[in-house]
């Protein structure tokens, strides 16, 4: 899974991901409302809400530093579409993390 959390110079958060067909998608460009949730001593969280014509999709992306000094991304998502509700959670190890630009902007 390839996921990028981005913060523009204007202060707009976005989540970019690459699907199985190797196409890049943007949460913001797909209609998502992307917001900074908070920062802690070892990470930060971003939330996404999609309000669609068939229901609501919410997600939380939490980037955190583990005790072994490796980064991981926890993704939780809930879909409430018509009468169907689905919840998922995934934790993935990060191979590359560059927070220099982001940390300066959010502090």
PDB file of N, CA and C in Angstrom:
ATOM      1  N   UNK A   1       0.850  -1.169   0.000  1.00  0.00           N
ATOM      2  CA  UNK A   1       0.000   0.000   0.000  1.00  0.00           C
ATOM      3  C   UNK A   1       0.897   1.233   0.000  1.00  0.00           C
ATOM      4  N   UNK A   2       0.600   2.150  -0.888  1.00  0.00           N
ATOM      5  CA  UNK A   2       1.313   3.416  -0.932  1.00  0.00           C
ATOM      6  C   UNK A   2       0.347   4.525  -0.547  1.00  0.00           C
ATOM      7  N   UNK A   3       0.670   5.223   0.546  1.00  0.00           N
ATOM      8  CA  UNK A   3      -0.162   6.303   1.064  1.00  0.00           C
ATOM      9  C   UNK A   3       0.743   7.479   1.400  1.00  0.00           C
ATOM     10  N   UNK A   4       0.302   8.676   1.062  1.00  0.00           N
ATOM     11  CA  UNK A   4       1.033   9.894   1.427  1.00  0.00           C
ATOM     12  C   UNK A   4       0.077  10.855   2.117  1.00  0.00           C
ATOM     13  N   UNK A   5       0.508  11.399   3.251  1.00  0.00           N
ATOM     14  CA  UNK A   5      -0.204  12.461   3.929  1.00  0.00           C
ATOM     15  C   UNK A   5       0.503  13.753   3.528  1.00  0.00           C
ATOM     16  N   UNK A   6      -0.235  14.697   2.962  1.00  0.00           N
ATOM     17  CA  UNK A   6       0.392  15.922   2.479  1.00  0.00           C
ATOM     18  C   UNK A   6      -0.235  17.149   3.123  1.00  0.00           C
ATOM     19  N   UNK A   7       0.556  18.211   3.192  1.00  0.00           N
ATOM     20  CA  UNK A   7       0.098  19.489   3.710  1.00  0.00           C
ATOM     21  C   UNK A   7       0.630  20.570   2.782  1.00  0.00           C
ATOM     22  N   UNK A   8      -0.289  21.284   2.122  1.00  0.00           N
ATOM     23  CA  UNK A   8       0.119  22.329   1.179  1.00  0.00           C
ATOM     24  C   UNK A   8       0.583  23.568   1.934  1.00  0.00           C
ATOM     25  N   UNK A   9       1.238  24.466   1.221  1.00  0.00           N
ATOM     26  CA  UNK A   9       1.673  25.728   1.821  1.00  0.00           C
ATOM     27  C   UNK A   9       0.489  26.558   2.320  1.00  0.00           C
ATOM     28  N   UNK A  10      -0.692  26.316   1.740  1.00  0.00           N
ATOM     29  CA  UNK A  10      -1.906  27.037   2.148  1.00  0.00           C
ATOM     30  C   UNK A  10      -2.560  26.400   3.379  1.00  0.00           C
ATOM     31  N   UNK A  11      -2.006  25.293   3.871  1.00  0.00           N
ATOM     32  CA  UNK A  11      -2.548  24.634   5.057  1.00  0.00           C
ATOM     33  C   UNK A  11      -3.612  23.598   4.775  1.00  0.00           C
ATOM     34  N   UNK A  12      -3.717  23.134   3.523  1.00  0.00           N
ATOM     35  CA  UNK A  12      -4.708  22.121   3.160  1.00  0.00           C
ATOM     36  C   UNK A  12      -4.099  20.725   3.230  1.00  0.00           C
ATOM     37  N   UNK A  13      -4.723  19.869   4.050  1.00  0.00           N
ATOM     38  CA  UNK A  13      -4.289  18.477   4.157  1.00  0.00           C
ATOM     39  C   UNK A  13      -4.882  17.671   3.016  1.00  0.00           C
ATOM     40  N   UNK A  14      -4.193  16.600   2.647  1.00  0.00           N
ATOM     41  CA  UNK A  14      -4.723  15.656   1.671  1.00  0.00           C
ATOM     42  C   UNK A  14      -4.103  14.296   1.945  1.00  0.00           C
ATOM     43  N   UNK A  15      -4.781  13.275   1.502  1.00  0.00           N
ATOM     44  CA  UNK A  15      -4.282  11.911   1.575  1.00  0.00           C
ATOM     45  C   UNK A  15      -4.269  11.384   0.153  1.00  0.00           C
ATOM     46  N   UNK A  16      -3.097  10.955  -0.291  1.00  0.00           N
ATOM     47  CA  UNK A  16      -2.927  10.399  -1.629  1.00  0.00           C
ATOM     48  C   UNK A  16      -2.632   8.912  -1.482  1.00  0.00           C
ATOM     49  N   UNK A  17      -3.221   8.108  -2.359  1.00  0.00           N
ATOM     50  CA  UNK A  17      -2.929   6.683  -2.335  1.00  0.00           C
ATOM     51  C   UNK A  17      -2.892   6.153  -3.755  1.00  0.00           C
ATOM     52  N   UNK A  18      -2.191   5.029  -3.893  1.00  0.00           N
ATOM     53  CA  UNK A  18      -2.052   4.360  -5.177  1.00  0.00           C
ATOM     54  C   UNK A  18      -2.852   3.066  -5.113  1.00  0.00           C
ATOM     55  N   UNK A  19      -3.741   2.865  -6.091  1.00  0.00           N
ATOM     56  CA  UNK A  19      -4.568   1.656  -6.082  1.00  0.00           C
ATOM     57  C   UNK A  19      -3.859   0.500  -6.790  1.00  0.00           C
ATOM     58  N   UNK A  20      -4.537  -0.624  -6.901  1.00  0.00           N
ATOM     59  CA  UNK A  20      -3.954  -1.831  -7.503  1.00  0.00           C
ATOM     60  C   UNK A  20      -3.587  -1.643  -8.967  1.00  0.00           C
ATOM     61  N   UNK A  21      -4.228  -0.668  -9.637  1.00  0.00           N
ATOM     62  CA  UNK A  21      -3.908  -0.396 -11.048  1.00  0.00           C
ATOM     63  C   UNK A  21      -2.796   0.639 -11.189  1.00  0.00           C
ATOM     64  N   UNK A  22      -2.203   1.015 -10.043  1.00  0.00           N
ATOM     65  CA  UNK A  22      -1.117   1.982 -10.001  1.00  0.00           C
ATOM     66  C   UNK A  22      -1.579   3.393 -10.359  1.00  0.00           C
ATOM     67  N   UNK A  23      -2.850   3.707 -10.072  1.00  0.00           N
ATOM     68  CA  UNK A  23      -3.383   5.047 -10.287  1.00  0.00           C
ATOM     69  C   UNK A  23      -3.403   5.803  -8.968  1.00  0.00           C
ATOM     70  N   UNK A  24      -3.072   7.086  -9.016  1.00  0.00           N
ATOM     71  CA  UNK A  24      -3.015   7.915  -7.818  1.00  0.00           C
ATOM     72  C   UNK A  24      -4.363   8.587  -7.594  1.00  0.00           C
ATOM     73  N   UNK A  25      -4.845   8.520  -6.356  1.00  0.00           N
ATOM     74  CA  UNK A  25      -6.100   9.157  -5.971  1.00  0.00           C
ATOM     75  C   UNK A  25      -5.854  10.139  -4.836  1.00  0.00           C
ATOM     76  N   UNK A  26      -6.632  11.188  -4.811  1.00  0.00           N
ATOM     77  CA  UNK A  26      -6.565  12.208  -3.775  1.00  0.00           C
ATOM     78  C   UNK A  26      -7.881  12.208  -3.007  1.00  0.00           C
ATOM     79  N   UNK A  27      -7.804  12.177  -1.670  1.00  0.00           N
ATOM     80  CA  UNK A  27      -9.020  12.245  -0.861  1.00  0.00           C
ATOM     81  C   UNK A  27      -9.749  13.554  -1.110  1.00  0.00           C
ATOM     82  N   UNK A  28      -9.018  14.653  -1.170  1.00  0.00           N
ATOM     83  CA  UNK A  28      -9.623  15.976  -1.380  1.00  0.00           C
ATOM     84  C   UNK A  28     -10.266  16.060  -2.763  1.00  0.00           C
ATOM     85  N   UNK A  29      -9.563  15.596  -3.794  1.00  0.00           N
ATOM     86  CA  UNK A  29     -10.107  15.650  -5.152  1.00  0.00           C
ATOM     87  C   UNK A  29     -11.288  14.698  -5.344  1.00  0.00           C
ATOM     88  N   UNK A  30     -11.387  13.689  -4.475  1.00  0.00           N
ATOM     89  CA  UNK A  30     -12.497  12.730  -4.550  1.00  0.00           C
ATOM     90  C   UNK A  30     -13.699  13.181  -3.721  1.00  0.00           C
ATOM     91  N   UNK A  31     -13.649  14.422  -3.212  1.00  0.00           N
ATOM     92  CA  UNK A  31     -14.782  14.953  -2.459  1.00  0.00           C
ATOM     93  C   UNK A  31     -14.664  14.836  -0.958  1.00  0.00           C
ATOM     94  N   UNK A  32     -13.524  14.378  -0.478  1.00  0.00           N
ATOM     95  CA  UNK A  32     -13.347  14.226   0.960  1.00  0.00           C
ATOM     96  C   UNK A  32     -13.007  15.530   1.654  1.00  0.00           C
ATOM     97  N   UNK A  33     -13.490  15.668   2.873  1.00  0.00           N
ATOM     98  CA  UNK A  33     -13.140  16.792   3.734  1.00  0.00           C
ATOM     99  C   UNK A  33     -12.024  16.294   4.642  1.00  0.00           C
ATOM    100  N   UNK A  34     -10.790  16.772   4.417  1.00  0.00           N
ATOM    101  CA  UNK A  34      -9.607  16.286   5.123  1.00  0.00           C
ATOM    102  C   UNK A  34      -9.216  17.296   6.194  1.00  0.00           C
ATOM    103  N   UNK A  35      -9.053  16.821   7.443  1.00  0.00           N
ATOM    104  CA  UNK A  35      -8.768  17.719   8.565  1.00  0.00           C
ATOM    105  C   UNK A  35      -7.675  17.167   9.466  1.00  0.00           C
ATOM    106  N   UNK A  36      -6.896  18.066  10.020  1.00  0.00           N
ATOM    107  CA  UNK A  36      -5.915  17.727  11.044  1.00  0.00           C
ATOM    108  C   UNK A  36      -6.665  17.464  12.343  1.00  0.00           C
ATOM    109  N   UNK A  37      -6.401  16.339  12.999  1.00  0.00           N
ATOM    110  CA  UNK A  37      -7.073  16.011  14.255  1.00  0.00           C
ATOM    111  C   UNK A  37      -6.232  16.422  15.449  1.00  0.00           C
ATOM    112  N   UNK A  38      -4.962  16.019  15.458  1.00  0.00           N
ATOM    113  CA  UNK A  38      -4.123  16.373  16.598  1.00  0.00           C
ATOM    114  C   UNK A  38      -2.727  15.813  16.474  1.00  0.00           C
ATOM    115  N   UNK A  39      -1.862  16.309  17.357  1.00  0.00           N
ATOM    116  CA  UNK A  39      -0.472  15.870  17.381  1.00  0.00           C
ATOM    117  C   UNK A  39      -0.132  15.458  18.804  1.00  0.00           C
ATOM    118  N   UNK A  40       0.667  14.404  18.918  1.00  0.00           N
ATOM    119  CA  UNK A  40       1.140  13.947  20.213  1.00  0.00           C
ATOM    120  C   UNK A  40       2.656  13.912  20.221  1.00  0.00           C
ATOM    121  N   UNK A  41       3.216  13.335  21.252  1.00  0.00           N
ATOM    122  CA  UNK A  41       4.673  13.284  21.387  1.00  0.00           C
ATOM    123  C   UNK A  41       5.315  12.417  20.313  1.00  0.00           C
ATOM    124  N   UNK A  42       4.583  11.428  19.810  1.00  0.00           N
ATOM    125  CA  UNK A  42       5.190  10.492  18.852  1.00  0.00           C
ATOM    126  C   UNK A  42       4.376  10.322  17.580  1.00  0.00           C
ATOM    127  N   UNK A  43       3.538  11.296  17.223  1.00  0.00           N
ATOM    128  CA  UNK A  43       2.788  11.164  15.977  1.00  0.00           C
ATOM    129  C   UNK A  43       1.668  12.170  15.854  1.00  0.00           C
ATOM    130  N   UNK A  44       0.875  12.005  14.804  1.00  0.00           N
ATOM    131  CA  UNK A  44      -0.263  12.888  14.578  1.00  0.00           C
ATOM    132  C   UNK A  44      -1.335  12.145  13.803  1.00  0.00           C
ATOM    133  N   UNK A  45      -2.552  12.728  13.768  1.00  0.00           N
ATOM    134  CA  UNK A  45      -3.692  12.084  13.116  1.00  0.00           C
ATOM    135  C   UNK A  45      -4.390  13.045  12.162  1.00  0.00           C
ATOM    136  N   UNK A  46      -4.901  12.478  11.072  1.00  0.00           N
ATOM    137  CA  UNK A  46      -5.645  13.194  10.051  1.00  0.00           C
ATOM    138  C   UNK A  46      -6.985  12.477   9.878  1.00  0.00           C
ATOM    139  N   UNK A  47      -8.062  13.230   9.738  1.00  0.00           N
ATOM    140  CA  UNK A  47      -9.380  12.637   9.521  1.00  0.00           C
ATOM    141  C   UNK A  47      -9.920  12.991   8.149  1.00  0.00           C
ATOM    142  N   UNK A  48     -10.735  12.092   7.598  1.00  0.00           N
ATOM    143  CA  UNK A  48     -11.365  12.310   6.293  1.00  0.00           C
ATOM    144  C   UNK A  48     -12.835  11.947   6.407  1.00  0.00           C
ATOM    145  N   UNK A  49     -13.693  12.805   5.853  1.00  0.00           N
ATOM    146  CA  UNK A  49     -15.128  12.523   5.806  1.00  0.00           C
ATOM    147  C   UNK A  49     -15.603  12.699   4.372  1.00  0.00           C
ATOM    148  N   UNK A  50     -16.257  11.668   3.846  1.00  0.00           N
ATOM    149  CA  UNK A  50     -16.907  11.731   2.543  1.00  0.00           C
ATOM    150  C   UNK A  50     -18.399  11.658   2.782  1.00  0.00           C
ATOM    151  N   UNK A  51     -19.129  12.676   2.408  1.00  0.00           N
ATOM    152  CA  UNK A  51     -20.579  12.665   2.518  1.00  0.00           C
ATOM    153  C   UNK A  51     -21.121  12.490   1.100  1.00  0.00           C
ATOM    154  N   UNK A  52     -21.525  11.274   0.765  1.00  0.00           N
ATOM    155  CA  UNK A  52     -21.947  10.957  -0.592  1.00  0.00           C
ATOM    156  C   UNK A  52     -23.462  10.850  -0.674  1.00  0.00           C
ATOM    157  N   UNK A  53     -23.972  10.685  -1.875  1.00  0.00           N
ATOM    158  CA  UNK A  53     -25.420  10.546  -2.057  1.00  0.00           C
ATOM    159  C   UNK A  53     -25.951   9.213  -1.548  1.00  0.00           C
ATOM    160  N   UNK A  54     -25.081   8.245  -1.267  1.00  0.00           N
ATOM    161  CA  UNK A  54     -25.526   6.947  -0.749  1.00  0.00           C
ATOM    162  C   UNK A  54     -25.115   6.709   0.699  1.00  0.00           C
ATOM    163  N   UNK A  55     -24.453   7.676   1.320  1.00  0.00           N
ATOM    164  CA  UNK A  55     -24.079   7.502   2.716  1.00  0.00           C
ATOM    165  C   UNK A  55     -22.830   8.266   3.109  1.00  0.00           C
ATOM    166  N   UNK A  56     -22.284   7.876   4.243  1.00  0.00           N
ATOM    167  CA  UNK A  56     -21.162   8.570   4.849  1.00  0.00           C
ATOM    168  C   UNK A  56     -19.983   7.618   5.007  1.00  0.00           C
ATOM    169  N   UNK A  57     -18.788   8.104   4.669  1.00  0.00           N
ATOM    170  CA  UNK A  57     -17.553   7.342   4.869  1.00  0.00           C
ATOM    171  C   UNK A  57     -16.617   8.209   5.693  1.00  0.00           C
ATOM    172  N   UNK A  58     -16.107   7.662   6.802  1.00  0.00           N
ATOM    173  CA  UNK A  58     -15.157   8.392   7.633  1.00  0.00           C
ATOM    174  C   UNK A  58     -13.888   7.565   7.786  1.00  0.00           C
ATOM    175  N   UNK A  59     -12.775   8.249   7.908  1.00  0.00           N
ATOM    176  CA  UNK A  59     -11.504   7.568   8.093  1.00  0.00           C
ATOM    177  C   UNK A  59     -10.568   8.370   8.970  1.00  0.00           C
ATOM    178  N   UNK A  60      -9.741   7.660   9.726  1.00  0.00           N
ATOM    179  CA  UNK A  60      -8.698   8.293  10.527  1.00  0.00           C
ATOM    180  C   UNK A  60      -7.376   7.649  10.151  1.00  0.00           C
ATOM    181  N   UNK A  61      -6.412   8.506   9.836  1.00  0.00           N
ATOM    182  CA  UNK A  61      -5.073   8.074   9.476  1.00  0.00           C
ATOM    183  C   UNK A  61      -4.133   8.586  10.563  1.00  0.00           C
ATOM    184  N   UNK A  62      -3.524   7.673  11.317  1.00  0.00           N
ATOM    185  CA  UNK A  62      -2.655   8.050  12.429  1.00  0.00           C
ATOM    186  C   UNK A  62      -1.236   7.568  12.150  1.00  0.00           C
ATOM    187  N   UNK A  63      -0.315   8.501  12.057  1.00  0.00           N
ATOM    188  CA  UNK A  63       1.097   8.186  11.854  1.00  0.00           C
ATOM    189  C   UNK A  63       1.774   8.237  13.217  1.00  0.00           C
ATOM    190  N   UNK A  64       2.450   7.146  13.598  1.00  0.00           N
ATOM    191  CA  UNK A  64       3.061   7.125  14.927  1.00  0.00           C
ATOM    192  C   UNK A  64       4.419   6.429  14.895  1.00  0.00           C
ATOM    193  N   UNK A  65       5.267   6.876  15.811  1.00  0.00           N
ATOM    194  CA  UNK A  65       6.607   6.312  15.964  1.00  0.00           C
ATOM    195  C   UNK A  65       6.552   5.226  17.031  1.00  0.00           C
ATOM    196  N   UNK A  66       6.921   4.019  16.645  1.00  0.00           N
ATOM    197  CA  UNK A  66       6.906   2.900  17.584  1.00  0.00           C
ATOM    198  C   UNK A  66       8.108   2.979  18.522  1.00  0.00           C
ATOM    199  N   UNK A  67       8.103   2.211  19.616  1.00  0.00           N
ATOM    200  CA  UNK A  67       9.251   2.214  20.544  1.00  0.00           C
ATOM    201  C   UNK A  67      10.574   1.800  19.887  1.00  0.00           C
ATOM    202  N   UNK A  68      10.515   1.042  18.795  1.00  0.00           N
ATOM    203  CA  UNK A  68      11.743   0.638  18.096  1.00  0.00           C
ATOM    204  C   UNK A  68      12.198   1.681  17.069  1.00  0.00           C
ATOM    205  N   UNK A  69      11.612   2.893  17.121  1.00  0.00           N
ATOM    206  CA  UNK A  69      11.946   4.019  16.235  1.00  0.00           C
ATOM    207  C   UNK A  69      11.597   3.787  14.774  1.00  0.00           C
ATOM    208  N   UNK A  70      10.631   2.919  14.516  1.00  0.00           N
ATOM    209  CA  UNK A  70      10.106   2.725  13.167  1.00  0.00           C
ATOM    210  C   UNK A  70       8.705   3.324  13.117  1.00  0.00           C
ATOM    211  N   UNK A  71       8.369   3.901  11.977  1.00  0.00           N
ATOM    212  CA  UNK A  71       7.061   4.544  11.811  1.00  0.00           C
ATOM    213  C   UNK A  71       6.019   3.548  11.326  1.00  0.00           C
ATOM    214  N   UNK A  72       4.772   3.746  11.755  1.00  0.00           N
ATOM    215  CA  UNK A  72       3.676   2.939  11.249  1.00  0.00           C
ATOM    216  C   UNK A  72       2.468   3.843  11.027  1.00  0.00           C
ATOM    217  N   UNK A  73       1.631   3.428  10.097  1.00  0.00           N
ATOM    218  CA  UNK A  73       0.408   4.148   9.777  1.00  0.00           C
ATOM    219  C   UNK A  73      -0.775   3.255  10.128  1.00  0.00           C
ATOM    220  N   UNK A  74      -1.639   3.758  11.003  1.00  0.00           N
ATOM    221  CA  UNK A  74      -2.867   3.048  11.366  1.00  0.00           C
ATOM    222  C   UNK A  74      -4.018   3.720  10.626  1.00  0.00           C
ATOM    223  N   UNK A  75      -4.817   2.900   9.952  1.00  0.00           N
ATOM    224  CA  UNK A  75      -5.933   3.418   9.166  1.00  0.00           C
ATOM    225  C   UNK A  75      -7.211   2.759   9.673  1.00  0.00           C
ATOM    226  N   UNK A  76      -8.151   3.572  10.118  1.00  0.00           N
ATOM    227  CA  UNK A  76      -9.463   3.041  10.489  1.00  0.00           C
ATOM    228  C   UNK A  76     -10.496   3.726   9.606  1.00  0.00           C
ATOM    229  N   UNK A  77     -11.459   2.937   9.154  1.00  0.00           N
ATOM    230  CA  UNK A  77     -12.464   3.478   8.242  1.00  0.00           C
ATOM    231  C   UNK A  77     -13.821   2.875   8.567  1.00  0.00           C
ATOM    232  N   UNK A  78     -14.849   3.713   8.492  1.00  0.00           N
ATOM    233  CA  UNK A  78     -16.215   3.236   8.663  1.00  0.00           C
ATOM    234  C   UNK A  78     -17.056   3.740   7.497  1.00  0.00           C
ATOM    235  N   UNK A  79     -17.810   2.816   6.907  1.00  0.00           N
ATOM    236  CA  UNK A  79     -18.712   3.160   5.802  1.00  0.00           C
ATOM    237  C   UNK A  79     -20.143   2.905   6.244  1.00  0.00           C
ATOM    238  N   UNK A  80     -20.977   3.931   6.122  1.00  0.00           N
ATOM    239  CA  UNK A  80     -22.404   3.803   6.406  1.00  0.00           C
ATOM    240  C   UNK A  80     -23.127   4.159   5.118  1.00  0.00           C
ATOM    241  N   UNK A  81     -23.373   3.142   4.309  1.00  0.00           N
ATOM    242  CA  UNK A  81     -23.966   3.338   2.990  1.00  0.00           C
ATOM    243  C   UNK A  81     -25.360   2.725   2.969  1.00  0.00           C
ATOM    244  N   UNK A  82     -26.368   3.578   2.821  1.00  0.00           N
ATOM    245  CA  UNK A  82     -27.771   3.158   2.889  1.00  0.00           C
ATOM    246  C   UNK A  82     -27.988   2.363   4.173  1.00  0.00           C
ATOM    247  N   UNK A  83     -28.337   1.109   4.104  1.00  0.00           N
ATOM    248  CA  UNK A  83     -28.562   0.324   5.319  1.00  0.00           C
ATOM    249  C   UNK A  83     -27.368  -0.570   5.646  1.00  0.00           C
ATOM    250  N   UNK A  84     -26.259  -0.372   4.983  1.00  0.00           N
ATOM    251  CA  UNK A  84     -25.066  -1.204   5.150  1.00  0.00           C
ATOM    252  C   UNK A  84     -23.992  -0.435   5.923  1.00  0.00           C
ATOM    253  N   UNK A  85     -23.428  -1.065   6.958  1.00  0.00           N
ATOM    254  CA  UNK A  85     -22.319  -0.471   7.710  1.00  0.00           C
ATOM    255  C   UNK A  85     -21.146  -1.436   7.693  1.00  0.00           C
ATOM    256  N   UNK A  86     -19.946  -0.885   7.414  1.00  0.00           N
ATOM    257  CA  UNK A  86     -18.734  -1.690   7.359  1.00  0.00           C
ATOM    258  C   UNK A  86     -17.628  -0.916   8.062  1.00  0.00           C
ATOM    259  N   UNK A  87     -16.865  -1.607   8.899  1.00  0.00           N
ATOM    260  CA  UNK A  87     -15.753  -0.987   9.605  1.00  0.00           C
ATOM    261  C   UNK A  87     -14.488  -1.785   9.338  1.00  0.00           C
ATOM    262  N   UNK A  88     -13.389  -1.065   9.094  1.00  0.00           N
ATOM    263  CA  UNK A  88     -12.118  -1.735   8.854  1.00  0.00           C
ATOM    264  C   UNK A  88     -10.985  -1.026   9.573  1.00  0.00           C
ATOM    265  N   UNK A  89      -9.933  -1.778   9.859  1.00  0.00           N
ATOM    266  CA  UNK A  89      -8.752  -1.231  10.524  1.00  0.00           C
ATOM    267  C   UNK A  89      -7.522  -1.924   9.974  1.00  0.00           C
ATOM    268  N   UNK A  90      -6.486  -1.149   9.715  1.00  0.00           N
ATOM    269  CA  UNK A  90      -5.255  -1.701   9.158  1.00  0.00           C
ATOM    270  C   UNK A  90      -4.068  -0.935   9.734  1.00  0.00           C
ATOM    271  N   UNK A  91      -2.995  -1.657  10.030  1.00  0.00           N
ATOM    272  CA  UNK A  91      -1.750  -1.048  10.478  1.00  0.00           C
ATOM    273  C   UNK A  91      -0.658  -1.496   9.516  1.00  0.00           C
ATOM    274  N   UNK A  92       0.053  -0.513   8.955  1.00  0.00           N
ATOM    275  CA  UNK A  92       1.111  -0.828   7.993  1.00  0.00           C
ATOM    276  C   UNK A  92       2.409  -0.156   8.432  1.00  0.00           C
ATOM    277  N   UNK A  93       3.516  -0.853   8.224  1.00  0.00           N
ATOM    278  CA  UNK A  93       4.833  -0.286   8.504  1.00  0.00           C
ATOM    279  C   UNK A  93       5.186   0.696   7.396  1.00  0.00           C
ATOM    280  N   UNK A  94       5.800   1.784   7.764  1.00  0.00           N
ATOM    281  CA  UNK A  94       6.195   2.806   6.791  1.00  0.00           C
ATOM    282  C   UNK A  94       7.635   2.567   6.358  1.00  0.00           C
ATOM    283  N   UNK A  95       7.865   2.623   5.064  1.00  0.00           N
ATOM    284  CA  UNK A  95       9.219   2.469   4.551  1.00  0.00           C
ATOM    285  C   UNK A  95       9.931   3.800   4.432  1.00  0.00           C
ATOM    286  N   UNK A  96       9.170   4.874   4.247  1.00  0.00           N
ATOM    287  CA  UNK A  96       9.771   6.194   4.090  1.00  0.00           C
ATOM    288  C   UNK A  96       8.870   7.233   4.744  1.00  0.00           C
ATOM    289  N   UNK A  97       9.444   8.033   5.619  1.00  0.00           N
ATOM    290  CA  UNK A  97       8.692   9.099   6.284  1.00  0.00           C
ATOM    291  C   UNK A  97       9.545  10.364   6.246  1.00  0.00           C
ATOM    292  N   UNK A  98       8.981  11.450   5.737  1.00  0.00           N
ATOM    293  CA  UNK A  98       9.653  12.747   5.710  1.00  0.00           C
ATOM    294  C   UNK A  98       8.708  13.767   6.338  1.00  0.00           C
ATOM    295  N   UNK A  99       8.968  14.084   7.587  1.00  0.00           N
ATOM    296  CA  UNK A  99       8.072  14.961   8.328  1.00  0.00           C
ATOM    297  C   UNK A  99       8.611  16.380   8.500  1.00  0.00           C
ATOM    298  N   UNK A 100       9.799  16.652   8.018  1.00  0.00           N
ATOM    299  CA  UNK A 100      10.410  17.968   8.246  1.00  0.00           C
ATOM    300  C   UNK A 100       9.484  19.105   7.842  1.00  0.00           C
ATOM    301  N   UNK A 101       8.939  19.066   6.655  1.00  0.00           N
ATOM    302  CA  UNK A 101       8.084  20.131   6.157  1.00  0.00           C
ATOM    303  C   UNK A 101       6.756  20.186   6.914  1.00  0.00           C
ATOM    304  N   UNK A 102       6.190  19.038   7.224  1.00  0.00           N
ATOM    305  CA  UNK A 102       4.897  18.986   7.909  1.00  0.00           C
ATOM    306  C   UNK A 102       5.007  19.450   9.356  1.00  0.00           C
ATOM    307  N   UNK A 103       5.999  18.991  10.071  1.00  0.00           N
ATOM    308  CA  UNK A 103       6.147  19.362  11.486  1.00  0.00           C
ATOM    309  C   UNK A 103       6.306  20.871  11.635  1.00  0.00           C
ATOM    310  N   UNK A 104       7.075  21.494  10.764  1.00  0.00           N
ATOM    311  CA  UNK A 104       7.238  22.951  10.821  1.00  0.00           C
ATOM    312  C   UNK A 104       5.903  23.669  10.644  1.00  0.00           C
ATOM    313  N   UNK A 105       5.033  23.149   9.797  1.00  0.00           N
ATOM    314  CA  UNK A 105       3.766  23.812   9.498  1.00  0.00           C
ATOM    315  C   UNK A 105       2.714  23.629  10.588  1.00  0.00           C
ATOM    316  N   UNK A 106       2.736  22.504  11.304  1.00  0.00           N
ATOM    317  CA  UNK A 106       1.674  22.245  12.284  1.00  0.00           C
ATOM    318  C   UNK A 106       2.029  22.672  13.694  1.00  0.00           C
ATOM    319  N   UNK A 107       3.240  23.012  13.963  1.00  0.00           N
ATOM    320  CA  UNK A 107       3.622  23.439  15.337  1.00  0.00           C
ATOM    321  C   UNK A 107       3.435  24.900  15.514  1.00  0.00           C
TER     322      UNK A 107
END
